[in-house]
Amino acid sequence: MSKVVAVRKNGDGTIAQYKLEDGTILDAEQAVEATALGKIEGCSVFTTRDGHESIRSDRCQYDYSLSSLPEF
């Protein structure tokens, strides 16, 4: 398992890419797939209001939120 350590946001502030501890960079679709397979620690898959799947940090994690991670 790996953990997301940084993110890259697009123009509207949505996270478009995720950087893992080992340096791997995943786009949003790859991150959803990896999370669903249990390869990303501290995150879970959810369905957005517009019906797309995305990932978010698990609730009740002290000081870990994907949106507040540093950008790369």
Protein backbone atom coordinates (compact mmCIF):
# COMPACT_ATOMS: atom_id res chain seq x y z
CA MET A 1 0.00 0.00 0.00
CA SER A 2 1.08 3.53 -0.69
CA LYS A 3 -0.13 6.91 0.49
CA VAL A 4 -0.87 10.09 -1.49
CA VAL A 5 1.69 12.74 -0.53
CA ALA A 6 0.98 15.53 -3.06
CA VAL A 7 -1.64 16.54 -5.62
CA ARG A 8 -1.91 18.57 -8.82
CA LYS A 9 -5.07 20.62 -9.30
CA ASN A 10 -6.59 21.83 -12.55
CA GLY A 11 -7.87 25.34 -13.26
CA ASP A 12 -11.11 24.95 -11.28
CA GLY A 13 -9.33 23.58 -8.20
CA THR A 14 -10.30 19.95 -8.76
CA ILE A 15 -7.54 17.43 -8.07
CA ALA A 16 -6.40 16.00 -11.42
CA GLN A 17 -3.31 14.01 -10.38
CA TYR A 18 -2.06 12.27 -7.27
CA LYS A 19 1.58 11.66 -6.32
CA LEU A 20 2.26 8.60 -4.18
CA GLU A 21 5.05 8.04 -1.64
CA ASP A 22 7.10 6.07 -4.17
CA GLY A 23 6.94 8.90 -6.72
CA THR A 24 4.25 7.33 -8.90
CA ILE A 25 1.86 9.87 -10.41
CA LEU A 26 -1.71 8.78 -11.09
CA ASP A 27 -4.48 10.59 -12.92
CA ALA A 28 -7.93 10.65 -11.34
CA GLU A 29 -9.15 7.47 -13.06
CA GLN A 30 -6.02 5.52 -12.10
CA ALA A 31 -6.30 6.74 -8.51
CA VAL A 32 -9.92 5.53 -8.31
CA GLU A 33 -8.90 2.11 -9.62
CA ALA A 34 -5.91 1.79 -7.28
CA THR A 35 -7.99 2.87 -4.29
CA ALA A 36 -10.75 0.39 -5.14
CA LEU A 37 -8.11 -2.36 -5.25
CA GLY A 38 -6.82 -1.36 -1.82
CA LYS A 39 -3.48 -0.06 -3.13
CA ILE A 40 -3.83 3.46 -1.70
CA GLU A 41 -3.86 3.89 2.05
CA GLY A 42 -6.12 6.39 3.80
CA CYS A 43 -8.50 6.96 0.88
CA SER A 44 -11.81 5.61 -0.33
CA VAL A 45 -13.84 5.80 -3.54
CA PHE A 46 -17.08 7.77 -3.69
CA THR A 47 -19.54 8.85 -6.37
CA THR A 48 -19.77 12.59 -7.04
CA ARG A 49 -23.04 14.47 -7.52
CA ASP A 50 -22.61 14.29 -11.28
CA GLY A 51 -22.19 10.50 -11.17
CA HIS A 52 -18.42 10.21 -11.57
CA GLU A 53 -16.22 8.21 -9.23
CA SER A 54 -13.47 9.99 -7.33
CA ILE A 55 -11.37 9.45 -4.21
CA ARG A 56 -11.31 11.25 -0.90
CA SER A 57 -9.35 10.89 2.29
CA ASP A 58 -10.99 8.63 4.84
CA ARG A 59 -12.89 10.39 7.58
CA CYS A 60 -11.52 10.64 11.12
CA GLN A 61 -7.90 10.91 10.00
CA TYR A 62 -6.15 13.58 12.00
CA ASP A 63 -4.28 16.07 9.81
CA TYR A 64 -4.71 14.23 6.48
CA SER A 65 -6.91 15.68 3.76
CA LEU A 66 -6.21 15.30 0.04
CA SER A 67 -7.24 18.90 -0.66
CA SER A 68 -4.70 20.24 1.83
CA LEU A 69 -1.71 18.24 0.59
CA PRO A 70 1.12 20.15 -1.10
CA GLU A 71 0.97 20.59 -4.85
CA PHE A 72 3.63 19.23 -7.20
